mmCIF file of all heavy atoms, coordinates in Angstrom:
data_MODEL
# 
_entry.id   MODEL 
# 
loop_
_atom_site.group_PDB 
_atom_site.id 
_atom_site.type_symbol 
_atom_site.label_atom_id 
_atom_site.label_alt_id 
_atom_site.label_comp_id 
_atom_site.label_asym_id 
_atom_site.label_entity_id 
_atom_site.label_seq_id 
_atom_site.pdbx_PDB_ins_code 
_atom_site.Cartn_x 
_atom_site.Cartn_y 
_atom_site.Cartn_z 
_atom_site.occupancy 
_atom_site.B_iso_or_equiv 
_atom_site.pdbx_formal_charge 
_atom_site.auth_seq_id 
_atom_site.auth_comp_id 
_atom_site.auth_asym_id 
_atom_site.auth_atom_id 
_atom_site.pdbx_PDB_model_num 
ATOM 1   N N   . ALA A 1 1  ? 0.825  -1.205  0.000  1.00 0.00 ? 1  ALA A N   1 
ATOM 2   C CA  . ALA A 1 1  ? 0.000  0.000   0.000  1.00 0.00 ? 1  ALA A CA  1 
ATOM 3   C C   . ALA A 1 1  ? 0.863  1.261   0.000  1.00 0.00 ? 1  ALA A C   1 
ATOM 4   O O   . ALA A 1 1  ? 0.547  2.248   -0.677 1.00 0.00 ? 1  ALA A O   1 
ATOM 5   C CB  . ALA A 1 1  ? -0.932 -0.006  1.203  1.00 0.00 ? 1  ALA A CB  1 
ATOM 6   N N   . GLN A 1 2  ? 1.954  1.215   0.768  1.00 0.00 ? 2  GLN A N   1 
ATOM 7   C CA  . GLN A 1 2  ? 2.837  2.375   0.845  1.00 0.00 ? 2  GLN A CA  1 
ATOM 8   C C   . GLN A 1 2  ? 3.585  2.623   -0.461 1.00 0.00 ? 2  GLN A C   1 
ATOM 9   O O   . GLN A 1 2  ? 3.865  3.762   -0.818 1.00 0.00 ? 2  GLN A O   1 
ATOM 10  C CB  . GLN A 1 2  ? 3.840  2.174   1.986  1.00 0.00 ? 2  GLN A CB  1 
ATOM 11  C CG  . GLN A 1 2  ? 3.212  2.212   3.380  1.00 0.00 ? 2  GLN A CG  1 
ATOM 12  C CD  . GLN A 1 2  ? 4.205  1.867   4.473  1.00 0.00 ? 2  GLN A CD  1 
ATOM 13  O OE1 . GLN A 1 2  ? 5.406  1.788   4.237  1.00 0.00 ? 2  GLN A OE1 1 
ATOM 14  N NE2 . GLN A 1 2  ? 3.712  1.654   5.690  1.00 0.00 ? 2  GLN A NE2 1 
ATOM 15  N N   . LEU A 1 3  ? 3.891  1.552   -1.179 1.00 0.00 ? 3  LEU A N   1 
ATOM 16  C CA  . LEU A 1 3  ? 4.649  1.687   -2.430 1.00 0.00 ? 3  LEU A CA  1 
ATOM 17  C C   . LEU A 1 3  ? 3.746  1.687   -3.672 1.00 0.00 ? 3  LEU A C   1 
ATOM 18  O O   . LEU A 1 3  ? 4.236  1.779   -4.795 1.00 0.00 ? 3  LEU A O   1 
ATOM 19  C CB  . LEU A 1 3  ? 5.673  0.541   -2.541 1.00 0.00 ? 3  LEU A CB  1 
ATOM 20  C CG  . LEU A 1 3  ? 6.760  0.498   -1.458 1.00 0.00 ? 3  LEU A CG  1 
ATOM 21  C CD1 . LEU A 1 3  ? 7.702  -0.675  -1.687 1.00 0.00 ? 3  LEU A CD1 1 
ATOM 22  C CD2 . LEU A 1 3  ? 7.546  1.802   -1.430 1.00 0.00 ? 3  LEU A CD2 1 
ATOM 23  N N   . TYR A 1 4  ? 2.438  1.542   -3.434 1.00 0.00 ? 4  TYR A N   1 
ATOM 24  C CA  . TYR A 1 4  ? 1.452  1.548   -4.526 1.00 0.00 ? 4  TYR A CA  1 
ATOM 25  C C   . TYR A 1 4  ? 1.748  0.436   -5.550 1.00 0.00 ? 4  TYR A C   1 
ATOM 26  O O   . TYR A 1 4  ? 1.710  0.655   -6.765 1.00 0.00 ? 4  TYR A O   1 
ATOM 27  C CB  . TYR A 1 4  ? 1.425  2.908   -5.230 1.00 0.00 ? 4  TYR A CB  1 
ATOM 28  C CG  . TYR A 1 4  ? 1.108  4.046   -4.297 1.00 0.00 ? 4  TYR A CG  1 
ATOM 29  C CD1 . TYR A 1 4  ? 2.109  4.880   -3.823 1.00 0.00 ? 4  TYR A CD1 1 
ATOM 30  C CD2 . TYR A 1 4  ? -0.211 4.283   -3.875 1.00 0.00 ? 4  TYR A CD2 1 
ATOM 31  C CE1 . TYR A 1 4  ? 1.825  5.930   -2.961 1.00 0.00 ? 4  TYR A CE1 1 
ATOM 32  C CE2 . TYR A 1 4  ? -0.501 5.325   -3.004 1.00 0.00 ? 4  TYR A CE2 1 
ATOM 33  C CZ  . TYR A 1 4  ? 0.509  6.151   -2.552 1.00 0.00 ? 4  TYR A CZ  1 
ATOM 34  O OH  . TYR A 1 4  ? 0.232  7.177   -1.685 1.00 0.00 ? 4  TYR A OH  1 
ATOM 35  N N   . VAL A 1 5  ? 2.043  -0.733  -5.026 1.00 0.00 ? 5  VAL A N   1 
ATOM 36  C CA  . VAL A 1 5  ? 2.254  -1.903  -5.895 1.00 0.00 ? 5  VAL A CA  1 
ATOM 37  C C   . VAL A 1 5  ? 1.462  -3.076  -5.326 1.00 0.00 ? 5  VAL A C   1 
ATOM 38  O O   . VAL A 1 5  ? 0.897  -2.989  -4.228 1.00 0.00 ? 5  VAL A O   1 
ATOM 39  C CB  . VAL A 1 5  ? 3.758  -2.283  -5.971 1.00 0.00 ? 5  VAL A CB  1 
ATOM 40  C CG1 . VAL A 1 5  ? 4.566  -1.177  -6.641 1.00 0.00 ? 5  VAL A CG1 1 
ATOM 41  C CG2 . VAL A 1 5  ? 4.314  -2.581  -4.584 1.00 0.00 ? 5  VAL A CG2 1 
ATOM 42  N N   . SER A 1 6  ? 1.436  -4.168  -6.050 1.00 0.00 ? 6  SER A N   1 
ATOM 43  C CA  . SER A 1 6  ? 0.693  -5.338  -5.588 1.00 0.00 ? 6  SER A CA  1 
ATOM 44  C C   . SER A 1 6  ? 1.503  -6.121  -4.556 1.00 0.00 ? 6  SER A C   1 
ATOM 45  O O   . SER A 1 6  ? 2.735  -6.002  -4.485 1.00 0.00 ? 6  SER A O   1 
ATOM 46  C CB  . SER A 1 6  ? 0.364  -6.246  -6.777 1.00 0.00 ? 6  SER A CB  1 
ATOM 47  O OG  . SER A 1 6  ? 1.560  -6.775  -7.325 1.00 0.00 ? 6  SER A OG  1 
ATOM 48  N N   . GLU A 1 7  ? 0.806  -6.961  -3.788 1.00 0.00 ? 7  GLU A N   1 
ATOM 49  C CA  . GLU A 1 7  ? 1.488  -7.804  -2.806 1.00 0.00 ? 7  GLU A CA  1 
ATOM 50  C C   . GLU A 1 7  ? 2.398  -8.799  -3.499 1.00 0.00 ? 7  GLU A C   1 
ATOM 51  O O   . GLU A 1 7  ? 3.447  -9.182  -2.957 1.00 0.00 ? 7  GLU A O   1 
ATOM 52  C CB  . GLU A 1 7  ? 0.458  -8.547  -1.953 1.00 0.00 ? 7  GLU A CB  1 
ATOM 53  C CG  . GLU A 1 7  ? -0.203 -7.683  -0.884 1.00 0.00 ? 7  GLU A CG  1 
ATOM 54  C CD  . GLU A 1 7  ? -1.020 -8.501  0.090  1.00 0.00 ? 7  GLU A CD  1 
ATOM 55  O OE1 . GLU A 1 7  ? -0.456 -9.439  0.702  1.00 0.00 ? 7  GLU A OE1 1 
ATOM 56  O OE2 . GLU A 1 7  ? -2.222 -8.219  0.237  1.00 0.00 ? 7  GLU A OE2 1 
ATOM 57  N N   . ALA A 1 8  ? 2.007  -9.229  -4.695 1.00 0.00 ? 8  ALA A N   1 
ATOM 58  C CA  . ALA A 1 8  ? 2.833  -10.176 -5.453 1.00 0.00 ? 8  ALA A CA  1 
ATOM 59  C C   . ALA A 1 8  ? 4.201  -9.566  -5.772 1.00 0.00 ? 8  ALA A C   1 
ATOM 60  O O   . ALA A 1 8  ? 5.241  -10.233 -5.687 1.00 0.00 ? 8  ALA A O   1 
ATOM 61  C CB  . ALA A 1 8  ? 2.124  -10.577 -6.739 1.00 0.00 ? 8  ALA A CB  1 
ATOM 62  N N   . THR A 1 9  ? 4.201  -8.274  -6.093 1.00 0.00 ? 9  THR A N   1 
ATOM 63  C CA  . THR A 1 9  ? 5.463  -7.583  -6.379 1.00 0.00 ? 9  THR A CA  1 
ATOM 64  C C   . THR A 1 9  ? 6.320  -7.493  -5.126 1.00 0.00 ? 9  THR A C   1 
ATOM 65  O O   . THR A 1 9  ? 7.543  -7.685  -5.177 1.00 0.00 ? 9  THR A O   1 
ATOM 66  C CB  . THR A 1 9  ? 5.174  -6.163  -6.919 1.00 0.00 ? 9  THR A CB  1 
ATOM 67  O OG1 . THR A 1 9  ? 4.376  -6.247  -8.101 1.00 0.00 ? 9  THR A OG1 1 
ATOM 68  C CG2 . THR A 1 9  ? 6.471  -5.437  -7.234 1.00 0.00 ? 9  THR A CG2 1 
ATOM 69  N N   . ILE A 1 10 ? 5.672  -7.202  -4.018 1.00 0.00 ? 10 ILE A N   1 
ATOM 70  C CA  . ILE A 1 10 ? 6.387  -7.116  -2.742 1.00 0.00 ? 10 ILE A CA  1 
ATOM 71  C C   . ILE A 1 10 ? 6.989  -8.473  -2.384 1.00 0.00 ? 10 ILE A C   1 
ATOM 72  O O   . ILE A 1 10 ? 8.145  -8.554  -1.932 1.00 0.00 ? 10 ILE A O   1 
ATOM 73  C CB  . ILE A 1 10 ? 5.452  -6.631  -1.616 1.00 0.00 ? 10 ILE A CB  1 
ATOM 74  C CG1 . ILE A 1 10 ? 4.989  -5.197  -1.888 1.00 0.00 ? 10 ILE A CG1 1 
ATOM 75  C CG2 . ILE A 1 10 ? 6.144  -6.728  -0.264 1.00 0.00 ? 10 ILE A CG2 1 
ATOM 76  C CD1 . ILE A 1 10 ? 6.120  -4.193  -1.980 1.00 0.00 ? 10 ILE A CD1 1 
ATOM 77  N N   . LYS A 1 11 ? 6.228  -9.542  -2.596 1.00 0.00 ? 11 LYS A N   1 
ATOM 78  C CA  . LYS A 1 11 ? 6.736  -10.886 -2.300 1.00 0.00 ? 11 LYS A CA  1 
ATOM 79  C C   . LYS A 1 11 ? 7.957  -11.216 -3.151 1.00 0.00 ? 11 LYS A C   1 
ATOM 80  O O   . LYS A 1 11 ? 8.894  -11.868 -2.683 1.00 0.00 ? 11 LYS A O   1 
ATOM 81  C CB  . LYS A 1 11 ? 5.638  -11.926 -2.530 1.00 0.00 ? 11 LYS A CB  1 
ATOM 82  C CG  . LYS A 1 11 ? 4.535  -11.893 -1.483 1.00 0.00 ? 11 LYS A CG  1 
ATOM 83  C CD  . LYS A 1 11 ? 3.478  -12.959 -1.760 1.00 0.00 ? 11 LYS A CD  1 
ATOM 84  C CE  . LYS A 1 11 ? 2.371  -12.902 -0.707 1.00 0.00 ? 11 LYS A CE  1 
ATOM 85  N NZ  . LYS A 1 11 ? 1.314  -13.923 -0.984 1.00 0.00 ? 11 LYS A NZ  1 
ATOM 86  N N   . LYS A 1 12 ? 7.940  -10.738 -4.410 1.00 0.00 ? 12 LYS A N   1 
ATOM 87  C CA  . LYS A 1 12 ? 9.070  -10.965 -5.296 1.00 0.00 ? 12 LYS A CA  1 
ATOM 88  C C   . LYS A 1 12 ? 10.308 -10.222 -4.780 1.00 0.00 ? 12 LYS A C   1 
ATOM 89  O O   . LYS A 1 12 ? 11.420 -10.776 -4.757 1.00 0.00 ? 12 LYS A O   1 
ATOM 90  C CB  . LYS A 1 12 ? 8.714  -10.481 -6.713 1.00 0.00 ? 12 LYS A CB  1 
ATOM 91  C CG  . LYS A 1 12 ? 9.819  -10.687 -7.735 1.00 0.00 ? 12 LYS A CG  1 
ATOM 92  C CD  . LYS A 1 12 ? 10.142 -12.175 -7.918 1.00 0.00 ? 12 LYS A CD  1 
ATOM 93  C CE  . LYS A 1 12 ? 11.200 -12.388 -8.988 1.00 0.00 ? 12 LYS A CE  1 
ATOM 94  N NZ  . LYS A 1 12 ? 11.587 -13.802 -9.134 1.00 0.00 ? 12 LYS A NZ  1 
ATOM 95  N N   . HIS A 1 13 ? 10.103 -8.974  -4.342 1.00 0.00 ? 13 HIS A N   1 
ATOM 96  C CA  . HIS A 1 13 ? 11.207 -8.207  -3.756 1.00 0.00 ? 13 HIS A CA  1 
ATOM 97  C C   . HIS A 1 13 ? 11.761 -8.902  -2.511 1.00 0.00 ? 13 HIS A C   1 
ATOM 98  O O   . HIS A 1 13 ? 12.985 -8.979  -2.313 1.00 0.00 ? 13 HIS A O   1 
ATOM 99  C CB  . HIS A 1 13 ? 10.745 -6.798  -3.383 1.00 0.00 ? 13 HIS A CB  1 
ATOM 100 C CG  . HIS A 1 13 ? 10.539 -5.898  -4.561 1.00 0.00 ? 13 HIS A CG  1 
ATOM 101 N ND1 . HIS A 1 13 ? 11.443 -5.800  -5.592 1.00 0.00 ? 13 HIS A ND1 1 
ATOM 102 C CD2 . HIS A 1 13 ? 9.525  -5.018  -4.853 1.00 0.00 ? 13 HIS A CD2 1 
ATOM 103 C CE1 . HIS A 1 13 ? 11.017 -4.920  -6.487 1.00 0.00 ? 13 HIS A CE1 1 
ATOM 104 N NE2 . HIS A 1 13 ? 9.835  -4.431  -6.054 1.00 0.00 ? 13 HIS A NE2 1 
ATOM 105 N N   . ILE A 1 14 ? 10.858 -9.412  -1.687 1.00 0.00 ? 14 ILE A N   1 
ATOM 106 C CA  . ILE A 1 14 ? 11.268 -10.076 -0.448 1.00 0.00 ? 14 ILE A CA  1 
ATOM 107 C C   . ILE A 1 14 ? 12.082 -11.330 -0.737 1.00 0.00 ? 14 ILE A C   1 
ATOM 108 O O   . ILE A 1 14 ? 13.090 -11.609 -0.088 1.00 0.00 ? 14 ILE A O   1 
ATOM 109 C CB  . ILE A 1 14 ? 10.035 -10.412 0.422  1.00 0.00 ? 14 ILE A CB  1 
ATOM 110 C CG1 . ILE A 1 14 ? 9.400  -9.115  0.949  1.00 0.00 ? 14 ILE A CG1 1 
ATOM 111 C CG2 . ILE A 1 14 ? 10.426 -11.313 1.590  1.00 0.00 ? 14 ILE A CG2 1 
ATOM 112 C CD1 . ILE A 1 14 ? 8.114  -9.324  1.719  1.00 0.00 ? 14 ILE A CD1 1 
ATOM 113 N N   . GLN A 1 15 ? 11.652 -12.085 -1.749 1.00 0.00 ? 15 GLN A N   1 
ATOM 114 C CA  . GLN A 1 15 ? 12.398 -13.284 -2.148 1.00 0.00 ? 15 GLN A CA  1 
ATOM 115 C C   . GLN A 1 15 ? 13.813 -12.923 -2.578 1.00 0.00 ? 15 GLN A C   1 
ATOM 116 O O   . GLN A 1 15 ? 14.780 -13.614 -2.231 1.00 0.00 ? 15 GLN A O   1 
ATOM 117 C CB  . GLN A 1 15 ? 11.666 -14.002 -3.284 1.00 0.00 ? 15 GLN A CB  1 
ATOM 118 C CG  . GLN A 1 15 ? 10.386 -14.698 -2.843 1.00 0.00 ? 15 GLN A CG  1 
ATOM 119 C CD  . GLN A 1 15 ? 9.635  -15.329 -4.010 1.00 0.00 ? 15 GLN A CD  1 
ATOM 120 O OE1 . GLN A 1 15 ? 10.063 -15.223 -5.164 1.00 0.00 ? 15 GLN A OE1 1 
ATOM 121 N NE2 . GLN A 1 15 ? 8.511  -15.964 -3.709 1.00 0.00 ? 15 GLN A NE2 1 
ATOM 122 N N   . ASN A 1 16 ? 13.951 -11.830 -3.314 1.00 0.00 ? 16 ASN A N   1 
ATOM 123 C CA  . ASN A 1 16 ? 15.267 -11.379 -3.754 1.00 0.00 ? 16 ASN A CA  1 
ATOM 124 C C   . ASN A 1 16 ? 16.140 -10.956 -2.565 1.00 0.00 ? 16 ASN A C   1 
ATOM 125 O O   . ASN A 1 16 ? 17.342 -11.231 -2.522 1.00 0.00 ? 16 ASN A O   1 
ATOM 126 C CB  . ASN A 1 16 ? 15.123 -10.198 -4.731 1.00 0.00 ? 16 ASN A CB  1 
ATOM 127 C CG  . ASN A 1 16 ? 14.507 -10.620 -6.058 1.00 0.00 ? 16 ASN A CG  1 
ATOM 128 O OD1 . ASN A 1 16 ? 14.565 -11.795 -6.442 1.00 0.00 ? 16 ASN A OD1 1 
ATOM 129 N ND2 . ASN A 1 16 ? 13.896 -9.671  -6.760 1.00 0.00 ? 16 ASN A ND2 1 
ATOM 130 N N   . ILE A 1 17 ? 15.487 -10.283 -1.607 1.00 0.00 ? 17 ILE A N   1 
ATOM 131 C CA  . ILE A 1 17 ? 16.212 -9.830  -0.406 1.00 0.00 ? 17 ILE A CA  1 
ATOM 132 C C   . ILE A 1 17 ? 16.715 -11.031 0.393  1.00 0.00 ? 17 ILE A C   1 
ATOM 133 O O   . ILE A 1 17 ? 17.877 -11.082 0.802  1.00 0.00 ? 17 ILE A O   1 
ATOM 134 C CB  . ILE A 1 17 ? 15.302 -8.944  0.464  1.00 0.00 ? 17 ILE A CB  1 
ATOM 135 C CG1 . ILE A 1 17 ? 14.994 -7.626  -0.253 1.00 0.00 ? 17 ILE A CG1 1 
ATOM 136 C CG2 . ILE A 1 17 ? 15.959 -8.660  1.821  1.00 0.00 ? 17 ILE A CG2 1 
ATOM 137 C CD1 . ILE A 1 17 ? 13.900 -6.803  0.408  1.00 0.00 ? 17 ILE A CD1 1 
ATOM 138 N N   . TYR A 1 18 ? 15.822 -12.027 0.591  1.00 0.00 ? 18 TYR A N   1 
ATOM 139 C CA  . TYR A 1 18 ? 16.202 -13.221 1.337  1.00 0.00 ? 18 TYR A CA  1 
ATOM 140 C C   . TYR A 1 18 ? 17.360 -13.946 0.647  1.00 0.00 ? 18 TYR A C   1 
ATOM 141 O O   . TYR A 1 18 ? 18.289 -14.425 1.290  1.00 0.00 ? 18 TYR A O   1 
ATOM 142 C CB  . TYR A 1 18 ? 15.016 -14.169 1.466  1.00 0.00 ? 18 TYR A CB  1 
ATOM 143 C CG  . TYR A 1 18 ? 13.931 -13.701 2.419  1.00 0.00 ? 18 TYR A CG  1 
ATOM 144 C CD1 . TYR A 1 18 ? 12.682 -14.324 2.448  1.00 0.00 ? 18 TYR A CD1 1 
ATOM 145 C CD2 . TYR A 1 18 ? 14.148 -12.632 3.286  1.00 0.00 ? 18 TYR A CD2 1 
ATOM 146 C CE1 . TYR A 1 18 ? 11.694 -13.911 3.308  1.00 0.00 ? 18 TYR A CE1 1 
ATOM 147 C CE2 . TYR A 1 18 ? 13.156 -12.210 4.148  1.00 0.00 ? 18 TYR A CE2 1 
ATOM 148 C CZ  . TYR A 1 18 ? 11.929 -12.850 4.156  1.00 0.00 ? 18 TYR A CZ  1 
ATOM 149 O OH  . TYR A 1 18 ? 10.947 -12.431 5.020  1.00 0.00 ? 18 TYR A OH  1 
ATOM 150 N N   . GLN A 1 19 ? 17.275 -13.997 -0.665 1.00 0.00 ? 19 GLN A N   1 
ATOM 151 C CA  . GLN A 1 19 ? 18.308 -14.694 -1.440 1.00 0.00 ? 19 GLN A CA  1 
ATOM 152 C C   . GLN A 1 19 ? 19.667 -13.999 -1.282 1.00 0.00 ? 19 GLN A C   1 
ATOM 153 O O   . GLN A 1 19 ? 20.699 -14.658 -1.104 1.00 0.00 ? 19 GLN A O   1 
ATOM 154 C CB  . GLN A 1 19 ? 17.909 -14.753 -2.913 1.00 0.00 ? 19 GLN A CB  1 
ATOM 155 C CG  . GLN A 1 19 ? 18.886 -15.550 -3.775 1.00 0.00 ? 19 GLN A CG  1 
ATOM 156 C CD  . GLN A 1 19 ? 18.420 -15.643 -5.222 1.00 0.00 ? 19 GLN A CD  1 
ATOM 157 O OE1 . GLN A 1 19 ? 17.431 -15.022 -5.606 1.00 0.00 ? 19 GLN A OE1 1 
ATOM 158 N NE2 . GLN A 1 19 ? 19.127 -16.418 -6.026 1.00 0.00 ? 19 GLN A NE2 1 
ATOM 159 N N   . LYS A 1 20 ? 19.668 -12.684 -1.343 1.00 0.00 ? 20 LYS A N   1 
ATOM 160 C CA  . LYS A 1 20 ? 20.925 -11.934 -1.226 1.00 0.00 ? 20 LYS A CA  1 
ATOM 161 C C   . LYS A 1 20 ? 21.500 -11.985 0.194  1.00 0.00 ? 20 LYS A C   1 
ATOM 162 O O   . LYS A 1 20 ? 22.723 -11.952 0.378  1.00 0.00 ? 20 LYS A O   1 
ATOM 163 C CB  . LYS A 1 20 ? 20.691 -10.482 -1.650 1.00 0.00 ? 20 LYS A CB  1 
ATOM 164 C CG  . LYS A 1 20 ? 20.411 -10.328 -3.148 1.00 0.00 ? 20 LYS A CG  1 
ATOM 165 C CD  . LYS A 1 20 ? 20.110 -8.892  -3.528 1.00 0.00 ? 20 LYS A CD  1 
ATOM 166 C CE  . LYS A 1 20 ? 19.838 -8.769  -5.026 1.00 0.00 ? 20 LYS A CE  1 
ATOM 167 N NZ  . LYS A 1 20 ? 19.529 -7.386  -5.450 1.00 0.00 ? 20 LYS A NZ  1 
ATOM 168 N N   . PHE A 1 21 ? 20.625 -12.067 1.182  1.00 0.00 ? 21 PHE A N   1 
ATOM 169 C CA  . PHE A 1 21 ? 21.084 -12.143 2.579  1.00 0.00 ? 21 PHE A CA  1 
ATOM 170 C C   . PHE A 1 21 ? 21.337 -13.582 3.034  1.00 0.00 ? 21 PHE A C   1 
ATOM 171 O O   . PHE A 1 21 ? 21.880 -13.803 4.114  1.00 0.00 ? 21 PHE A O   1 
ATOM 172 C CB  . PHE A 1 21 ? 20.051 -11.491 3.511  1.00 0.00 ? 21 PHE A CB  1 
ATOM 173 C CG  . PHE A 1 21 ? 20.291 -10.028 3.755  1.00 0.00 ? 21 PHE A CG  1 
ATOM 174 C CD1 . PHE A 1 21 ? 19.848 -9.082  2.836  1.00 0.00 ? 21 PHE A CD1 1 
ATOM 175 C CD2 . PHE A 1 21 ? 20.957 -9.592  4.884  1.00 0.00 ? 21 PHE A CD2 1 
ATOM 176 C CE1 . PHE A 1 21 ? 20.058 -7.735  3.047  1.00 0.00 ? 21 PHE A CE1 1 
ATOM 177 C CE2 . PHE A 1 21 ? 21.167 -8.240  5.102  1.00 0.00 ? 21 PHE A CE2 1 
ATOM 178 C CZ  . PHE A 1 21 ? 20.724 -7.307  4.186  1.00 0.00 ? 21 PHE A CZ  1 
ATOM 179 N N   . GLY A 1 22 ? 20.904 -14.533 2.224  1.00 0.00 ? 22 GLY A N   1 
ATOM 180 C CA  . GLY A 1 22 ? 21.051 -15.930 2.620  1.00 0.00 ? 22 GLY A CA  1 
ATOM 181 C C   . GLY A 1 22 ? 20.085 -16.311 3.715  1.00 0.00 ? 22 GLY A C   1 
ATOM 182 O O   . GLY A 1 22 ? 20.372 -17.168 4.564  1.00 0.00 ? 22 GLY A O   1 
ATOM 183 N N   . ALA A 1 23 ? 18.907 -15.663 3.711  1.00 0.00 ? 23 ALA A N   1 
ATOM 184 C CA  . ALA A 1 23 ? 17.883 -15.913 4.722  1.00 0.00 ? 23 ALA A CA  1 
ATOM 185 C C   . ALA A 1 23 ? 16.747 -16.747 4.155  1.00 0.00 ? 23 ALA A C   1 
ATOM 186 O O   . ALA A 1 23 ? 16.595 -16.877 2.934  1.00 0.00 ? 23 ALA A O   1 
ATOM 187 C CB  . ALA A 1 23 ? 17.353 -14.585 5.263  1.00 0.00 ? 23 ALA A CB  1 
ATOM 188 N N   . THR A 1 24 ? 15.945 -17.311 5.050  1.00 0.00 ? 24 THR A N   1 
ATOM 189 C CA  . THR A 1 24 ? 14.810 -18.131 4.615  1.00 0.00 ? 24 THR A CA  1 
ATOM 190 C C   . THR A 1 24 ? 13.471 -17.505 4.993  1.00 0.00 ? 24 THR A C   1 
ATOM 191 O O   . THR A 1 24 ? 12.447 -17.825 4.394  1.00 0.00 ? 24 THR A O   1 
ATOM 192 C CB  . THR A 1 24 ? 14.893 -19.532 5.250  1.00 0.00 ? 24 THR A CB  1 
ATOM 193 O OG1 . THR A 1 24 ? 14.979 -19.409 6.681  1.00 0.00 ? 24 THR A OG1 1 
ATOM 194 C CG2 . THR A 1 24 ? 16.116 -20.282 4.736  1.00 0.00 ? 24 THR A CG2 1 
# 
């Protein structure tokens, strides 16, 4: 809501963040 994008887009960003940090 804050970024005016869909939740699916946010989930994609989160997956990328987890991957770069080596988190699950």
